[in-house]
Every structure is written in structure tokens, then in C-alpha cells.
Amino acid sequence: MRPFNFEGDGGEVRGMEVTQEDKEGKFTVKITNHFRDAALKININGYPDPTGETGDYSKDDWKLYFLQVRKFLVNFTKEKMQAAVAQAVVDRGTAVPQSKEQEDRITADEPNPDDIPF
């Protein structure tokens, strides 16, 4: 995960880039936004759209919209992500590492028998 913050043409730009490892173990594979189709510039996968003409939105209108977004994301996380994370923890025991770095991370939690005092 790589956060970014810079001044763009329209003002401050903030965000997070998420990448995963490629076959060589380098973090080059960019993870795309699950809730936004960048090419079509539309929200997808149930992410709420603002209603009405957003050019006429007041500060309070935006607050209400982002409260709806927050509620959606919290519920999505509870319904979808908790189960996926729990399964990933189970799968970790049967995971096949793709690189030495992944293998080191997977086995890092396993105790070394030589370190156990008897």
C-alpha cells in the first residue's frame, strides 16, 4: 500500500495505490478500484451515486451523501470482507508461496524448534 498526496491541476490529490506481487516477487501488479470503473467514470458494485444535480449540492448535502457511502462501506465490509479474511487465514496454512519473500512471511510465525527451552 502506498499513500500519495500531491498538488494537481485542480488542487490537492490524495489517495492510495495498492499493488501485489508479480511472479518475480516484485510489487508491480496494481489493484484497481473495486467500486469505480475508471474508463466509464461510473460507480459499480453497489457503491452509492449522489442523487440529483451535484453542482447544486450544499456542504450538508455532501455530508449526507458521504454518510450513506460510509454506511454502505461498513456493511459491505461486514458482509463480504470478514468472511474473505477469515478464509484467507484458514488458507494460509495451505498456501503455496510464489517467492522466497512470501515463504519467509508465511513461515515467520512458526516457532523454531531450536528456540523452545526444555
Protein backbone atom coordinates (compact mmCIF):
# COMPACT_ATOMS: atom_id res chain seq x y z
CA MET A 1 0.00 0.00 0.00
CA ARG A 2 1.39 3.37 -0.99
CA PRO A 3 -0.42 6.53 0.02
CA PHE A 4 0.03 9.63 -2.11
CA ASN A 5 -0.69 13.33 -1.72
CA PHE A 6 0.24 16.00 -4.27
CA GLU A 7 -0.96 19.21 -5.87
CA GLY A 8 -2.64 18.56 -9.22
CA ASP A 9 -4.19 20.93 -11.74
CA GLY A 10 -7.48 21.00 -9.83
CA GLY A 11 -5.99 21.18 -6.32
CA GLU A 12 -4.87 18.61 -3.81
CA VAL A 13 -4.95 14.96 -4.89
CA ARG A 14 -4.89 12.26 -2.22
CA GLY A 15 -5.26 8.52 -2.48
CA MET A 16 -3.81 5.07 -2.00
CA GLU A 17 -2.13 2.82 -4.54
CA VAL A 18 -2.40 -0.89 -3.79
CA THR A 19 -0.17 -3.41 -5.54
CA GLN A 20 0.51 -7.11 -5.23
CA GLU A 21 3.47 -9.25 -6.08
CA ASP A 22 4.18 -10.46 -9.58
CA LYS A 23 5.81 -13.83 -10.35
CA GLU A 24 9.25 -12.40 -9.56
CA GLY A 25 8.13 -11.23 -6.12
CA LYS A 26 8.11 -7.54 -7.07
CA PHE A 27 5.12 -5.36 -6.26
CA THR A 28 4.18 -4.32 -9.79
CA VAL A 29 0.59 -5.58 -10.20
CA LYS A 30 -1.75 -2.67 -9.50
CA ILE A 31 -5.05 -3.45 -7.81
CA THR A 32 -7.90 -1.49 -9.37
CA ASN A 33 -10.77 0.21 -7.55
CA HIS A 34 -13.49 -2.34 -6.80
CA PHE A 35 -16.17 0.35 -6.72
CA ARG A 36 -15.25 2.53 -9.70
CA ASP A 37 -14.96 1.85 -13.42
CA ALA A 38 -12.24 4.34 -14.34
CA ALA A 39 -12.82 4.06 -18.09
CA LEU A 40 -16.57 4.68 -17.87
CA LYS A 41 -16.26 7.02 -14.87
CA ILE A 42 -19.15 5.33 -13.04
CA ASN A 43 -19.61 3.72 -9.64
CA ILE A 44 -20.02 -0.07 -9.69
CA ASN A 45 -20.66 -2.99 -7.32
CA GLY A 46 -23.39 -1.19 -5.41
CA TYR A 47 -21.37 1.89 -4.45
CA PRO A 48 -23.91 4.72 -3.98
CA ASP A 49 -24.21 7.52 -6.50
CA PRO A 50 -25.14 11.03 -5.40
CA THR A 51 -28.73 11.84 -6.33
CA GLY A 52 -29.77 14.96 -8.18
CA GLU A 53 -27.55 17.69 -9.59
CA THR A 54 -24.27 17.59 -7.64
CA GLY A 55 -23.39 21.08 -8.84
CA ASP A 56 -26.20 22.33 -6.60
CA TYR A 57 -25.07 20.29 -3.56
CA SER A 58 -24.53 22.22 -0.34
CA LYS A 59 -21.97 21.24 2.27
CA ASP A 60 -24.76 19.45 4.18
CA ASP A 61 -25.84 17.54 1.05
CA TRP A 62 -22.29 16.22 0.67
CA LYS A 63 -22.17 15.28 4.35
CA LEU A 64 -25.38 13.24 3.93
CA TYR A 65 -24.04 11.56 0.81
CA PHE A 66 -20.77 10.58 2.45
CA LEU A 67 -22.65 9.25 5.49
CA GLN A 68 -24.54 6.98 3.07
CA VAL A 69 -21.23 5.94 1.49
CA ARG A 70 -19.76 5.19 4.92
CA LYS A 71 -22.78 3.09 5.88
CA PHE A 72 -22.51 1.19 2.58
CA LEU A 73 -18.78 0.52 3.05
CA VAL A 74 -19.19 -0.61 6.68
CA ASN A 75 -21.98 -3.02 5.70
CA PHE A 76 -20.03 -4.26 2.66
CA THR A 77 -17.01 -4.92 4.84
CA LYS A 78 -19.08 -6.81 7.41
CA GLU A 79 -20.90 -8.90 4.80
CA LYS A 80 -18.15 -9.60 2.30
CA MET A 81 -14.71 -8.93 3.68
CA GLN A 82 -14.87 -10.52 7.13
CA ALA A 83 -15.65 -13.92 5.63
CA ALA A 84 -12.94 -13.50 2.98
CA VAL A 85 -10.32 -12.56 5.57
CA ALA A 86 -11.33 -15.46 7.81
CA GLN A 87 -11.00 -17.85 4.84
CA ALA A 88 -7.61 -16.36 3.94
CA VAL A 89 -6.39 -17.09 7.47
CA VAL A 90 -7.53 -20.71 7.08
CA ASP A 91 -5.98 -20.92 3.61
CA ARG A 92 -2.69 -19.53 4.88
CA GLY A 93 -1.92 -22.93 6.34
CA THR A 94 -2.21 -24.47 2.87
CA ALA A 95 -0.81 -21.57 0.83
CA VAL A 96 1.88 -22.26 -1.76
CA PRO A 97 4.44 -19.44 -1.71
CA GLN A 98 5.30 -17.91 -5.09
CA SER A 99 8.59 -16.36 -3.96
CA LYS A 100 11.21 -16.67 -1.22
CA GLU A 101 9.88 -13.47 0.36
CA GLN A 102 6.35 -14.92 0.54
CA GLU A 103 7.68 -18.15 2.01
CA ASP A 104 9.61 -16.19 4.66
CA ARG A 105 6.45 -14.24 5.59
CA ILE A 106 4.30 -17.37 5.80
CA THR A 107 6.79 -19.27 7.95
CA ALA A 108 7.75 -16.28 10.13
CA ASP A 109 5.05 -17.13 12.67
CA GLU A 110 6.13 -20.76 13.00
CA PRO A 111 8.33 -21.35 16.04
CA ASN A 112 11.83 -22.64 15.52
CA PRO A 113 12.13 -25.94 17.47
CA ASP A 114 15.68 -24.96 18.48
CA ASP A 115 14.31 -21.86 20.26
CA ILE A 116 11.95 -23.79 22.57
CA PRO A 117 13.52 -24.20 26.03
CA PHE A 118 13.20 -27.64 27.69
